[in-house]
mmCIF file of all heavy atoms, coordinates in Angstrom:
data_MODEL
# 
_entry.id   MODEL 
# 
loop_
_atom_site.group_PDB 
_atom_site.id 
_atom_site.type_symbol 
_atom_site.label_atom_id 
_atom_site.label_alt_id 
_atom_site.label_comp_id 
_atom_site.label_asym_id 
_atom_site.label_entity_id 
_atom_site.label_seq_id 
_atom_site.pdbx_PDB_ins_code 
_atom_site.Cartn_x 
_atom_site.Cartn_y 
_atom_site.Cartn_z 
_atom_site.occupancy 
_atom_site.B_iso_or_equiv 
_atom_site.pdbx_formal_charge 
_atom_site.auth_seq_id 
_atom_site.auth_comp_id 
_atom_site.auth_asym_id 
_atom_site.auth_atom_id 
_atom_site.pdbx_PDB_model_num 
ATOM 1   N N   . SER A 1 1  ? 97.885  83.533  87.351  1.00 0.00 ? 1  SER A N   1 
ATOM 2   C CA  . SER A 1 1  ? 96.750  84.409  87.635  1.00 0.00 ? 1  SER A CA  1 
ATOM 3   C C   . SER A 1 1  ? 96.394  84.338  89.111  1.00 0.00 ? 1  SER A C   1 
ATOM 4   O O   . SER A 1 1  ? 95.997  85.342  89.717  1.00 0.00 ? 1  SER A O   1 
ATOM 5   C CB  . SER A 1 1  ? 95.542  84.028  86.770  1.00 0.00 ? 1  SER A CB  1 
ATOM 6   O OG  . SER A 1 1  ? 94.982  82.785  87.157  1.00 0.00 ? 1  SER A OG  1 
ATOM 7   N N   . GLY A 1 2  ? 96.558  83.154  89.719  1.00 0.00 ? 2  GLY A N   1 
ATOM 8   C CA  . GLY A 1 2  ? 96.370  83.041  91.157  1.00 0.00 ? 2  GLY A CA  1 
ATOM 9   C C   . GLY A 1 2  ? 97.408  83.839  91.922  1.00 0.00 ? 2  GLY A C   1 
ATOM 10  O O   . GLY A 1 2  ? 97.094  84.506  92.921  1.00 0.00 ? 2  GLY A O   1 
ATOM 11  N N   . VAL A 1 3  ? 98.654  83.785  91.459  1.00 0.00 ? 3  VAL A N   1 
ATOM 12  C CA  . VAL A 1 3  ? 99.722  84.569  92.091  1.00 0.00 ? 3  VAL A CA  1 
ATOM 13  C C   . VAL A 1 3  ? 99.387  86.060  92.020  1.00 0.00 ? 3  VAL A C   1 
ATOM 14  O O   . VAL A 1 3  ? 99.494  86.792  93.019  1.00 0.00 ? 3  VAL A O   1 
ATOM 15  C CB  . VAL A 1 3  ? 101.070 84.297  91.397  1.00 0.00 ? 3  VAL A CB  1 
ATOM 16  C CG1 . VAL A 1 3  ? 102.145 85.253  91.908  1.00 0.00 ? 3  VAL A CG1 1 
ATOM 17  C CG2 . VAL A 1 3  ? 101.504 82.852  91.618  1.00 0.00 ? 3  VAL A CG2 1 
ATOM 18  N N   . LEU A 1 4  ? 98.941  86.486  90.855  1.00 0.00 ? 4  LEU A N   1 
ATOM 19  C CA  . LEU A 1 4  ? 98.656  87.906  90.669  1.00 0.00 ? 4  LEU A CA  1 
ATOM 20  C C   . LEU A 1 4  ? 97.461  88.354  91.503  1.00 0.00 ? 4  LEU A C   1 
ATOM 21  O O   . LEU A 1 4  ? 97.456  89.457  92.055  1.00 0.00 ? 4  LEU A O   1 
ATOM 22  C CB  . LEU A 1 4  ? 98.413  88.198  89.187  1.00 0.00 ? 4  LEU A CB  1 
ATOM 23  C CG  . LEU A 1 4  ? 99.542  87.739  88.253  1.00 0.00 ? 4  LEU A CG  1 
ATOM 24  C CD1 . LEU A 1 4  ? 99.207  88.045  86.810  1.00 0.00 ? 4  LEU A CD1 1 
ATOM 25  C CD2 . LEU A 1 4  ? 100.857 88.377  88.661  1.00 0.00 ? 4  LEU A CD2 1 
ATOM 26  N N   . MET A 1 5  ? 96.449  87.496  91.605  1.00 0.00 ? 5  MET A N   1 
ATOM 27  C CA  . MET A 1 5  ? 95.314  87.830  92.467  1.00 0.00 ? 5  MET A CA  1 
ATOM 28  C C   . MET A 1 5  ? 95.760  87.905  93.928  1.00 0.00 ? 5  MET A C   1 
ATOM 29  O O   . MET A 1 5  ? 95.270  88.734  94.698  1.00 0.00 ? 5  MET A O   1 
ATOM 30  C CB  . MET A 1 5  ? 94.203  86.796  92.305  1.00 0.00 ? 5  MET A CB  1 
ATOM 31  C CG  . MET A 1 5  ? 93.439  86.905  90.996  1.00 0.00 ? 5  MET A CG  1 
ATOM 32  S SD  . MET A 1 5  ? 92.716  88.544  90.715  1.00 0.00 ? 5  MET A SD  1 
ATOM 33  C CE  . MET A 1 5  ? 91.592  88.667  92.106  1.00 0.00 ? 5  MET A CE  1 
ATOM 34  N N   . GLY A 1 6  ? 96.712  87.055  94.303  1.00 0.00 ? 6  GLY A N   1 
ATOM 35  C CA  . GLY A 1 6  ? 97.252  87.128  95.656  1.00 0.00 ? 6  GLY A CA  1 
ATOM 36  C C   . GLY A 1 6  ? 97.943  88.446  95.909  1.00 0.00 ? 6  GLY A C   1 
ATOM 37  O O   . GLY A 1 6  ? 97.807  89.047  96.990  1.00 0.00 ? 6  GLY A O   1 
ATOM 38  N N   . VAL A 1 7  ? 98.686  88.935  94.912  1.00 0.00 ? 7  VAL A N   1 
ATOM 39  C CA  . VAL A 1 7  ? 99.346  90.236  95.035  1.00 0.00 ? 7  VAL A CA  1 
ATOM 40  C C   . VAL A 1 7  ? 98.311  91.339  95.214  1.00 0.00 ? 7  VAL A C   1 
ATOM 41  O O   . VAL A 1 7  ? 98.430  92.215  96.088  1.00 0.00 ? 7  VAL A O   1 
ATOM 42  C CB  . VAL A 1 7  ? 100.221 90.509  93.794  1.00 0.00 ? 7  VAL A CB  1 
ATOM 43  C CG1 . VAL A 1 7  ? 100.775 91.925  93.834  1.00 0.00 ? 7  VAL A CG1 1 
ATOM 44  C CG2 . VAL A 1 7  ? 101.349 89.497  93.698  1.00 0.00 ? 7  VAL A CG2 1 
ATOM 45  N N   . LEU A 1 8  ? 97.263  91.303  94.380  1.00 0.00 ? 8  LEU A N   1 
ATOM 46  C CA  . LEU A 1 8  ? 96.230  92.338  94.434  1.00 0.00 ? 8  LEU A CA  1 
ATOM 47  C C   . LEU A 1 8  ? 95.485  92.303  95.763  1.00 0.00 ? 8  LEU A C   1 
ATOM 48  O O   . LEU A 1 8  ? 95.253  93.337  96.394  1.00 0.00 ? 8  LEU A O   1 
ATOM 49  C CB  . LEU A 1 8  ? 95.244  92.154  93.281  1.00 0.00 ? 8  LEU A CB  1 
ATOM 50  C CG  . LEU A 1 8  ? 95.827  92.213  91.865  1.00 0.00 ? 8  LEU A CG  1 
ATOM 51  C CD1 . LEU A 1 8  ? 94.734  91.970  90.843  1.00 0.00 ? 8  LEU A CD1 1 
ATOM 52  C CD2 . LEU A 1 8  ? 96.491  93.557  91.619  1.00 0.00 ? 8  LEU A CD2 1 
ATOM 53  N N   . LEU A 1 9  ? 95.085  91.107  96.180  1.00 0.00 ? 9  LEU A N   1 
ATOM 54  C CA  . LEU A 1 9  ? 94.327  90.989  97.423  1.00 0.00 ? 9  LEU A CA  1 
ATOM 55  C C   . LEU A 1 9  ? 95.186  91.320  98.635  1.00 0.00 ? 9  LEU A C   1 
ATOM 56  O O   . LEU A 1 9  ? 94.671  91.774  99.664  1.00 0.00 ? 9  LEU A O   1 
ATOM 57  C CB  . LEU A 1 9  ? 93.735  89.589  97.542  1.00 0.00 ? 9  LEU A CB  1 
ATOM 58  C CG  . LEU A 1 9  ? 92.649  89.259  96.504  1.00 0.00 ? 9  LEU A CG  1 
ATOM 59  C CD1 . LEU A 1 9  ? 92.195  87.813  96.648  1.00 0.00 ? 9  LEU A CD1 1 
ATOM 60  C CD2 . LEU A 1 9  ? 91.461  90.207  96.645  1.00 0.00 ? 9  LEU A CD2 1 
ATOM 61  N N   . ALA A 1 10 ? 96.501  91.099  98.530  1.00 0.00 ? 10 ALA A N   1 
ATOM 62  C CA  . ALA A 1 10 ? 97.385  91.476  99.633  1.00 0.00 ? 10 ALA A CA  1 
ATOM 63  C C   . ALA A 1 10 ? 97.351  92.980  99.837  1.00 0.00 ? 10 ALA A C   1 
ATOM 64  O O   . ALA A 1 10 ? 97.252  93.469  100.973 1.00 0.00 ? 10 ALA A O   1 
ATOM 65  C CB  . ALA A 1 10 ? 98.809  91.009  99.344  1.00 0.00 ? 10 ALA A CB  1 
ATOM 66  N N   . ARG A 1 11 ? 97.432  93.721  98.737  1.00 0.00 ? 11 ARG A N   1 
ATOM 67  C CA  . ARG A 1 11 ? 97.393  95.179  98.851  1.00 0.00 ? 11 ARG A CA  1 
ATOM 68  C C   . ARG A 1 11 ? 96.039  95.650  99.370  1.00 0.00 ? 11 ARG A C   1 
ATOM 69  O O   . ARG A 1 11 ? 95.946  96.488  100.266 1.00 0.00 ? 11 ARG A O   1 
ATOM 70  C CB  . ARG A 1 11 ? 97.684  95.808  97.491  1.00 0.00 ? 11 ARG A CB  1 
ATOM 71  C CG  . ARG A 1 11 ? 99.079  95.507  96.954  1.00 0.00 ? 11 ARG A CG  1 
ATOM 72  C CD  . ARG A 1 11 ? 99.282  96.169  95.609  1.00 0.00 ? 11 ARG A CD  1 
ATOM 73  N NE  . ARG A 1 11 ? 100.590 95.834  95.047  1.00 0.00 ? 11 ARG A NE  1 
ATOM 74  C CZ  . ARG A 1 11 ? 100.764 95.379  93.816  1.00 0.00 ? 11 ARG A CZ  1 
ATOM 75  N NH1 . ARG A 1 11 ? 99.734  95.189  93.025  1.00 0.00 ? 11 ARG A NH1 1 
ATOM 76  N NH2 . ARG A 1 11 ? 101.971 95.102  93.380  1.00 0.00 ? 11 ARG A NH2 1 
ATOM 77  N N   . THR A 1 12 ? 94.975  95.110  98.785  1.00 0.00 ? 12 THR A N   1 
ATOM 78  C CA  . THR A 1 12 ? 93.636  95.537  99.177  1.00 0.00 ? 12 THR A CA  1 
ATOM 79  C C   . THR A 1 12 ? 93.291  95.043  100.576 1.00 0.00 ? 12 THR A C   1 
ATOM 80  O O   . THR A 1 12 ? 92.855  95.816  101.439 1.00 0.00 ? 12 THR A O   1 
ATOM 81  C CB  . THR A 1 12 ? 92.593  95.009  98.179  1.00 0.00 ? 12 THR A CB  1 
ATOM 82  O OG1 . THR A 1 12 ? 92.945  95.447  96.861  1.00 0.00 ? 12 THR A OG1 1 
ATOM 83  C CG2 . THR A 1 12 ? 91.208  95.504  98.530  1.00 0.00 ? 12 THR A CG2 1 
ATOM 84  N N   . GLY A 1 13 ? 93.475  93.734  100.810 1.00 0.00 ? 13 GLY A N   1 
ATOM 85  C CA  . GLY A 1 13 ? 93.143  93.169  102.114 1.00 0.00 ? 13 GLY A CA  1 
ATOM 86  C C   . GLY A 1 13 ? 93.989  93.749  103.222 1.00 0.00 ? 13 GLY A C   1 
ATOM 87  O O   . GLY A 1 13 ? 93.500  93.995  104.333 1.00 0.00 ? 13 GLY A O   1 
ATOM 88  N N   . GLY A 1 14 ? 95.277  93.974  102.929 1.00 0.00 ? 14 GLY A N   1 
ATOM 89  C CA  . GLY A 1 14 ? 96.141  94.564  103.936 1.00 0.00 ? 14 GLY A CA  1 
ATOM 90  C C   . GLY A 1 14 ? 95.652  95.937  104.367 1.00 0.00 ? 14 GLY A C   1 
ATOM 91  O O   . GLY A 1 14 ? 95.608  96.254  105.561 1.00 0.00 ? 14 GLY A O   1 
ATOM 92  N N   . GLY A 1 15 ? 95.246  96.754  103.396 1.00 0.00 ? 15 GLY A N   1 
ATOM 93  C CA  . GLY A 1 15 ? 94.737  98.079  103.723 1.00 0.00 ? 15 GLY A CA  1 
ATOM 94  C C   . GLY A 1 15 ? 93.448  98.026  104.515 1.00 0.00 ? 15 GLY A C   1 
ATOM 95  O O   . GLY A 1 15 ? 93.263  98.771  105.489 1.00 0.00 ? 15 GLY A O   1 
ATOM 96  N N   . LEU A 1 16 ? 92.535  97.141  104.113 1.00 0.00 ? 16 LEU A N   1 
ATOM 97  C CA  . LEU A 1 16 ? 91.239  97.045  104.798 1.00 0.00 ? 16 LEU A CA  1 
ATOM 98  C C   . LEU A 1 16 ? 91.392  96.530  106.224 1.00 0.00 ? 16 LEU A C   1 
ATOM 99  O O   . LEU A 1 16 ? 90.780  97.045  107.161 1.00 0.00 ? 16 LEU A O   1 
ATOM 100 C CB  . LEU A 1 16 ? 90.305  96.135  104.002 1.00 0.00 ? 16 LEU A CB  1 
ATOM 101 C CG  . LEU A 1 16 ? 89.827  96.681  102.656 1.00 0.00 ? 16 LEU A CG  1 
ATOM 102 C CD1 . LEU A 1 16 ? 89.026  95.615  101.907 1.00 0.00 ? 16 LEU A CD1 1 
ATOM 103 C CD2 . LEU A 1 16 ? 88.978  97.939  102.848 1.00 0.00 ? 16 LEU A CD2 1 
ATOM 104 N N   . ILE A 1 17 ? 92.212  95.484  106.395 1.00 0.00 ? 17 ILE A N   1 
ATOM 105 C CA  . ILE A 1 17 ? 92.414  94.933  107.743 1.00 0.00 ? 17 ILE A CA  1 
ATOM 106 C C   . ILE A 1 17 ? 93.069  95.972  108.653 1.00 0.00 ? 17 ILE A C   1 
ATOM 107 O O   . ILE A 1 17 ? 92.688  96.123  109.822 1.00 0.00 ? 17 ILE A O   1 
ATOM 108 C CB  . ILE A 1 17 ? 93.258  93.648  107.675 1.00 0.00 ? 17 ILE A CB  1 
ATOM 109 C CG1 . ILE A 1 17 ? 92.473  92.537  106.960 1.00 0.00 ? 17 ILE A CG1 1 
ATOM 110 C CG2 . ILE A 1 17 ? 93.638  93.184  109.082 1.00 0.00 ? 17 ILE A CG2 1 
ATOM 111 C CD1 . ILE A 1 17 ? 93.293  91.306  106.670 1.00 0.00 ? 17 ILE A CD1 1 
ATOM 112 N N   . ALA A 1 18 ? 94.052  96.689  108.118 1.00 0.00 ? 18 ALA A N   1 
ATOM 113 C CA  . ALA A 1 18 ? 94.724  97.707  108.922 1.00 0.00 ? 18 ALA A CA  1 
ATOM 114 C C   . ALA A 1 18 ? 93.756  98.803  109.347 1.00 0.00 ? 18 ALA A C   1 
ATOM 115 O O   . ALA A 1 18 ? 93.813  99.298  110.480 1.00 0.00 ? 18 ALA A O   1 
ATOM 116 C CB  . ALA A 1 18 ? 95.887  98.306  108.141 1.00 0.00 ? 18 ALA A CB  1 
ATOM 117 N N   . GLN A 1 19 ? 92.855  99.173  108.444 1.00 0.00 ? 19 GLN A N   1 
ATOM 118 C CA  . GLN A 1 19 ? 91.925  100.256 108.736 1.00 0.00 ? 19 GLN A CA  1 
ATOM 119 C C   . GLN A 1 19 ? 90.834  99.835  109.712 1.00 0.00 ? 19 GLN A C   1 
ATOM 120 O O   . GLN A 1 19 ? 90.459  100.576 110.617 1.00 0.00 ? 19 GLN A O   1 
ATOM 121 C CB  . GLN A 1 19 ? 91.285  100.743 107.433 1.00 0.00 ? 19 GLN A CB  1 
ATOM 122 C CG  . GLN A 1 19 ? 90.358  101.941 107.585 1.00 0.00 ? 19 GLN A CG  1 
ATOM 123 C CD  . GLN A 1 19 ? 91.112  103.207 107.979 1.00 0.00 ? 19 GLN A CD  1 
ATOM 124 O OE1 . GLN A 1 19 ? 92.307  103.331 107.710 1.00 0.00 ? 19 GLN A OE1 1 
ATOM 125 N NE2 . GLN A 1 19 ? 90.421  104.133 108.637 1.00 0.00 ? 19 GLN A NE2 1 
ATOM 126 N N   . TRP A 1 20 ? 90.317  98.624  109.521 1.00 0.00 ? 20 TRP A N   1 
ATOM 127 C CA  . TRP A 1 20 ? 89.151  98.191  110.297 1.00 0.00 ? 20 TRP A CA  1 
ATOM 128 C C   . TRP A 1 20 ? 89.466  97.147  111.362 1.00 0.00 ? 20 TRP A C   1 
ATOM 129 O O   . TRP A 1 20 ? 88.609  96.837  112.187 1.00 0.00 ? 20 TRP A O   1 
ATOM 130 C CB  . TRP A 1 20 ? 88.093  97.625  109.346 1.00 0.00 ? 20 TRP A CB  1 
ATOM 131 C CG  . TRP A 1 20 ? 87.596  98.632  108.353 1.00 0.00 ? 20 TRP A CG  1 
ATOM 132 C CD1 . TRP A 1 20 ? 87.580  99.990  108.484 1.00 0.00 ? 20 TRP A CD1 1 
ATOM 133 C CD2 . TRP A 1 20 ? 87.054  98.356  107.060 1.00 0.00 ? 20 TRP A CD2 1 
ATOM 134 N NE1 . TRP A 1 20 ? 87.055  100.581 107.362 1.00 0.00 ? 20 TRP A NE1 1 
ATOM 135 C CE2 . TRP A 1 20 ? 86.720  99.599  106.460 1.00 0.00 ? 20 TRP A CE2 1 
ATOM 136 C CE3 . TRP A 1 20 ? 86.803  97.183  106.335 1.00 0.00 ? 20 TRP A CE3 1 
ATOM 137 C CZ2 . TRP A 1 20 ? 86.162  99.696  105.197 1.00 0.00 ? 20 TRP A CZ2 1 
ATOM 138 C CZ3 . TRP A 1 20 ? 86.240  97.283  105.074 1.00 0.00 ? 20 TRP A CZ3 1 
ATOM 139 C CH2 . TRP A 1 20 ? 85.933  98.520  104.511 1.00 0.00 ? 20 TRP A CH2 1 
ATOM 140 N N   . GLY A 1 21 ? 90.673  96.612  111.341 1.00 0.00 ? 21 GLY A N   1 
ATOM 141 C CA  . GLY A 1 21 ? 90.964  95.515  112.251 1.00 0.00 ? 21 GLY A CA  1 
ATOM 142 C C   . GLY A 1 21 ? 91.978  95.821  113.328 1.00 0.00 ? 21 GLY A C   1 
ATOM 143 O O   . GLY A 1 21 ? 92.483  94.911  113.976 1.00 0.00 ? 21 GLY A O   1 
ATOM 144 N N   . GLY A 1 22 ? 92.346  97.075  113.521 1.00 0.00 ? 22 GLY A N   1 
ATOM 145 C CA  . GLY A 1 22 ? 93.222  97.396  114.631 1.00 0.00 ? 22 GLY A CA  1 
ATOM 146 C C   . GLY A 1 22 ? 94.627  97.798  114.260 1.00 0.00 ? 22 GLY A C   1 
ATOM 147 O O   . GLY A 1 22 ? 95.520  97.799  115.110 1.00 0.00 ? 22 GLY A O   1 
ATOM 148 N N   . GLY A 1 23 ? 94.902  98.123  113.005 1.00 0.00 ? 23 GLY A N   1 
ATOM 149 C CA  . GLY A 1 23 ? 96.224  98.611  112.628 1.00 0.00 ? 23 GLY A CA  1 
ATOM 150 C C   . GLY A 1 23 ? 97.023  97.618  111.807 1.00 0.00 ? 23 GLY A C   1 
ATOM 151 O O   . GLY A 1 23 ? 96.592  96.493  111.543 1.00 0.00 ? 23 GLY A O   1 
ATOM 152 N N   . TRP A 1 24 ? 98.211  98.053  111.407 1.00 0.00 ? 24 TRP A N   1 
ATOM 153 C CA  . TRP A 1 24 ? 99.010  97.255  110.478 1.00 0.00 ? 24 TRP A CA  1 
ATOM 154 C C   . TRP A 1 24 ? 99.506  95.959  111.106 1.00 0.00 ? 24 TRP A C   1 
ATOM 155 O O   . TRP A 1 24 ? 99.722  94.976  110.398 1.00 0.00 ? 24 TRP A O   1 
ATOM 156 C CB  . TRP A 1 24 ? 100.202 98.084  109.974 1.00 0.00 ? 24 TRP A CB  1 
ATOM 157 C CG  . TRP A 1 24 ? 101.189 98.499  111.012 1.00 0.00 ? 24 TRP A CG  1 
ATOM 158 C CD1 . TRP A 1 24 ? 101.195 99.647  111.742 1.00 0.00 ? 24 TRP A CD1 1 
ATOM 159 C CD2 . TRP A 1 24 ? 102.331 97.754  111.459 1.00 0.00 ? 24 TRP A CD2 1 
ATOM 160 N NE1 . TRP A 1 24 ? 102.262 99.678  112.602 1.00 0.00 ? 24 TRP A NE1 1 
ATOM 161 C CE2 . TRP A 1 24 ? 102.986 98.528  112.448 1.00 0.00 ? 24 TRP A CE2 1 
ATOM 162 C CE3 . TRP A 1 24 ? 102.872 96.520  111.111 1.00 0.00 ? 24 TRP A CE3 1 
ATOM 163 C CZ2 . TRP A 1 24 ? 104.146 98.106  113.092 1.00 0.00 ? 24 TRP A CZ2 1 
ATOM 164 C CZ3 . TRP A 1 24 ? 104.028 96.093  111.754 1.00 0.00 ? 24 TRP A CZ3 1 
ATOM 165 C CH2 . TRP A 1 24 ? 104.652 96.873  112.728 1.00 0.00 ? 24 TRP A CH2 1 
# 
């Protein structure tokens, strides 16, 4: 479940950081 949450947060966090933190 920790692995799966990591997968989910990678997709979500990656998108948010790219949008608000200066790009991919």
